[in-house]
């Protein structure tokens, strides 16, 4: 089923963003949309690999966020900021694994 994309799509990898501009009003078939989404996903994967990163989805408990705050790895005001939580978790892992 044909559709239209009228906006800018942006995907984020940590601090890197890859943006794809789709011409406003340009018709896209469902196949085109799937191909575009696949191309973005592959580009993000390759960029992460170049940076030595892997994308994992984990669940973190509130009490673990509390511990990050208690240990000074996360500012309490940023407890709902996923970017800040990710950075704090990386600091925790670096310290725990002796990488810092």
C-alpha atoms as a PDB file:
ATOM      1  CA  UNK A   1       0.000   0.000   0.000  1.00  0.00           C
ATOM      2  CA  UNK A   2       1.616   3.314  -1.048  1.00  0.00           C
ATOM      3  CA  UNK A   3       2.351   5.874   1.649  1.00  0.00           C
ATOM      4  CA  UNK A   4       4.038   9.229   2.047  1.00  0.00           C
ATOM      5  CA  UNK A   5       6.815  10.302   4.365  1.00  0.00           C
ATOM      6  CA  UNK A   6       6.860  14.033   4.971  1.00  0.00           C
ATOM      7  CA  UNK A   7       9.601  14.327   7.540  1.00  0.00           C
ATOM      8  CA  UNK A   8      13.214  13.734   8.469  1.00  0.00           C
ATOM      9  CA  UNK A   9      14.029  10.408  10.091  1.00  0.00           C
ATOM     10  CA  UNK A  10      16.937  10.270  12.525  1.00  0.00           C
ATOM     11  CA  UNK A  11      18.498   7.295  14.236  1.00  0.00           C
ATOM     12  CA  UNK A  12      20.911   7.661  17.129  1.00  0.00           C
ATOM     13  CA  UNK A  13      23.950   5.650  18.185  1.00  0.00           C
ATOM     14  CA  UNK A  14      25.155   6.954  21.484  1.00  0.00           C
ATOM     15  CA  UNK A  15      26.344  10.404  20.473  1.00  0.00           C
ATOM     16  CA  UNK A  16      26.205   9.806  16.713  1.00  0.00           C
ATOM     17  CA  UNK A  17      23.108  10.488  14.654  1.00  0.00           C
ATOM     18  CA  UNK A  18      22.438   9.359  11.132  1.00  0.00           C
ATOM     19  CA  UNK A  19      19.679  11.258   9.375  1.00  0.00           C
ATOM     20  CA  UNK A  20      17.907  10.280   6.192  1.00  0.00           C
ATOM     21  CA  UNK A  21      15.933  12.894   4.318  1.00  0.00           C
ATOM     22  CA  UNK A  22      12.858  11.715   2.493  1.00  0.00           C
ATOM     23  CA  UNK A  23      11.452  14.098  -0.071  1.00  0.00           C
ATOM     24  CA  UNK A  24       8.207  15.553   1.259  1.00  0.00           C
ATOM     25  CA  UNK A  25       5.216  14.208  -0.580  1.00  0.00           C
ATOM     26  CA  UNK A  26       7.197  11.557  -2.449  1.00  0.00           C
ATOM     27  CA  UNK A  27       5.179   8.338  -2.673  1.00  0.00           C
ATOM     28  CA  UNK A  28       6.830   5.279  -1.174  1.00  0.00           C
ATOM     29  CA  UNK A  29       5.627   1.763  -1.541  1.00  0.00           C
ATOM     30  CA  UNK A  30       5.647  -0.533   1.448  1.00  0.00           C
ATOM     31  CA  UNK A  31       8.666  -2.332  -0.061  1.00  0.00           C
ATOM     32  CA  UNK A  32      10.555   0.985  -0.383  1.00  0.00           C
ATOM     33  CA  UNK A  33       9.802   1.788   3.248  1.00  0.00           C
ATOM     34  CA  UNK A  34      11.049  -1.640   4.363  1.00  0.00           C
ATOM     35  CA  UNK A  35      14.231  -1.276   2.290  1.00  0.00           C
ATOM     36  CA  UNK A  36      14.867   2.190   3.740  1.00  0.00           C
ATOM     37  CA  UNK A  37      14.371   0.945   7.294  1.00  0.00           C
ATOM     38  CA  UNK A  38      16.710  -1.972   6.594  1.00  0.00           C
ATOM     39  CA  UNK A  39      19.378   0.332   5.140  1.00  0.00           C
ATOM     40  CA  UNK A  40      19.215   2.576   8.224  1.00  0.00           C
ATOM     41  CA  UNK A  41      19.449  -0.423  10.564  1.00  0.00           C
ATOM     42  CA  UNK A  42      22.500  -1.794   8.689  1.00  0.00           C
ATOM     43  CA  UNK A  43      24.236   1.626   8.712  1.00  0.00           C
ATOM     44  CA  UNK A  44      23.662   1.944  12.455  1.00  0.00           C
ATOM     45  CA  UNK A  45      24.961  -1.581  13.038  1.00  0.00           C
ATOM     46  CA  UNK A  46      28.125  -0.890  11.026  1.00  0.00           C
ATOM     47  CA  UNK A  47      28.730   2.428  12.791  1.00  0.00           C
ATOM     48  CA  UNK A  48      28.378   0.752  16.204  1.00  0.00           C
ATOM     49  CA  UNK A  49      30.789  -2.006  15.188  1.00  0.00           C
ATOM     50  CA  UNK A  50      33.353   0.568  13.981  1.00  0.00           C
ATOM     51  CA  UNK A  51      33.123   2.156  17.425  1.00  0.00           C
ATOM     52  CA  UNK A  52      33.479  -1.223  19.162  1.00  0.00           C
ATOM     53  CA  UNK A  53      29.897  -1.193  20.422  1.00  0.00           C
ATOM     54  CA  UNK A  54      27.101  -3.729  20.382  1.00  0.00           C
ATOM     55  CA  UNK A  55      23.458  -2.906  20.780  1.00  0.00           C
ATOM     56  CA  UNK A  56      21.796  -4.754  23.651  1.00  0.00           C
ATOM     57  CA  UNK A  57      18.413  -4.075  25.115  1.00  0.00           C
ATOM     58  CA  UNK A  58      18.388  -4.617  28.867  1.00  0.00           C
ATOM     59  CA  UNK A  59      15.903  -3.905  31.599  1.00  0.00           C
ATOM     60  CA  UNK A  60      17.236  -1.953  34.548  1.00  0.00           C
ATOM     61  CA  UNK A  61      15.414  -1.823  37.849  1.00  0.00           C
ATOM     62  CA  UNK A  62      14.671   1.371  39.759  1.00  0.00           C
ATOM     63  CA  UNK A  63      16.803   0.097  42.621  1.00  0.00           C
ATOM     64  CA  UNK A  64      19.756  -0.269  40.213  1.00  0.00           C
ATOM     65  CA  UNK A  65      19.274   3.349  39.118  1.00  0.00           C
ATOM     66  CA  UNK A  66      19.145   4.279  42.808  1.00  0.00           C
ATOM     67  CA  UNK A  67      22.477   2.475  43.308  1.00  0.00           C
ATOM     68  CA  UNK A  68      24.049   4.373  40.389  1.00  0.00           C
ATOM     69  CA  UNK A  69      22.935   7.623  42.057  1.00  0.00           C
ATOM     70  CA  UNK A  70      24.110   6.471  45.516  1.00  0.00           C
ATOM     71  CA  UNK A  71      27.572   5.611  44.156  1.00  0.00           C
ATOM     72  CA  UNK A  72      27.898   8.983  42.450  1.00  0.00           C
ATOM     73  CA  UNK A  73      27.759   7.555  38.921  1.00  0.00           C
ATOM     74  CA  UNK A  74      24.467   9.252  38.048  1.00  0.00           C
ATOM     75  CA  UNK A  75      23.075  12.628  39.043  1.00  0.00           C
ATOM     76  CA  UNK A  76      19.729  12.092  40.789  1.00  0.00           C
ATOM     77  CA  UNK A  77      18.133  14.744  38.581  1.00  0.00           C
ATOM     78  CA  UNK A  78      18.976  12.591  35.542  1.00  0.00           C
ATOM     79  CA  UNK A  79      17.379   9.367  36.769  1.00  0.00           C
ATOM     80  CA  UNK A  80      14.843   9.446  33.893  1.00  0.00           C
ATOM     81  CA  UNK A  81      17.393  10.410  31.206  1.00  0.00           C
ATOM     82  CA  UNK A  82      18.223   7.250  29.242  1.00  0.00           C
ATOM     83  CA  UNK A  83      21.414   8.761  27.794  1.00  0.00           C
ATOM     84  CA  UNK A  84      22.657   9.667  31.295  1.00  0.00           C
ATOM     85  CA  UNK A  85      21.717   6.215  32.628  1.00  0.00           C
ATOM     86  CA  UNK A  86      23.599   4.551  29.758  1.00  0.00           C
ATOM     87  CA  UNK A  87      26.701   6.671  30.472  1.00  0.00           C
ATOM     88  CA  UNK A  88      26.477   5.907  34.212  1.00  0.00           C
ATOM     89  CA  UNK A  89      26.104   2.200  33.502  1.00  0.00           C
ATOM     90  CA  UNK A  90      29.171   2.314  31.215  1.00  0.00           C
ATOM     91  CA  UNK A  91      31.139   4.060  34.013  1.00  0.00           C
ATOM     92  CA  UNK A  92      30.014   1.341  36.425  1.00  0.00           C
ATOM     93  CA  UNK A  93      31.098  -1.427  34.053  1.00  0.00           C
ATOM     94  CA  UNK A  94      34.441   0.276  33.303  1.00  0.00           C
ATOM     95  CA  UNK A  95      35.164   0.641  37.025  1.00  0.00           C
ATOM     96  CA  UNK A  96      33.960  -2.855  37.949  1.00  0.00           C
ATOM     97  CA  UNK A  97      35.870  -4.531  35.109  1.00  0.00           C
ATOM     98  CA  UNK A  98      38.999  -2.446  35.685  1.00  0.00           C
ATOM     99  CA  UNK A  99      38.788  -0.691  32.322  1.00  0.00           C
ATOM    100  CA  UNK A 100      39.029   2.860  33.654  1.00  0.00           C
END
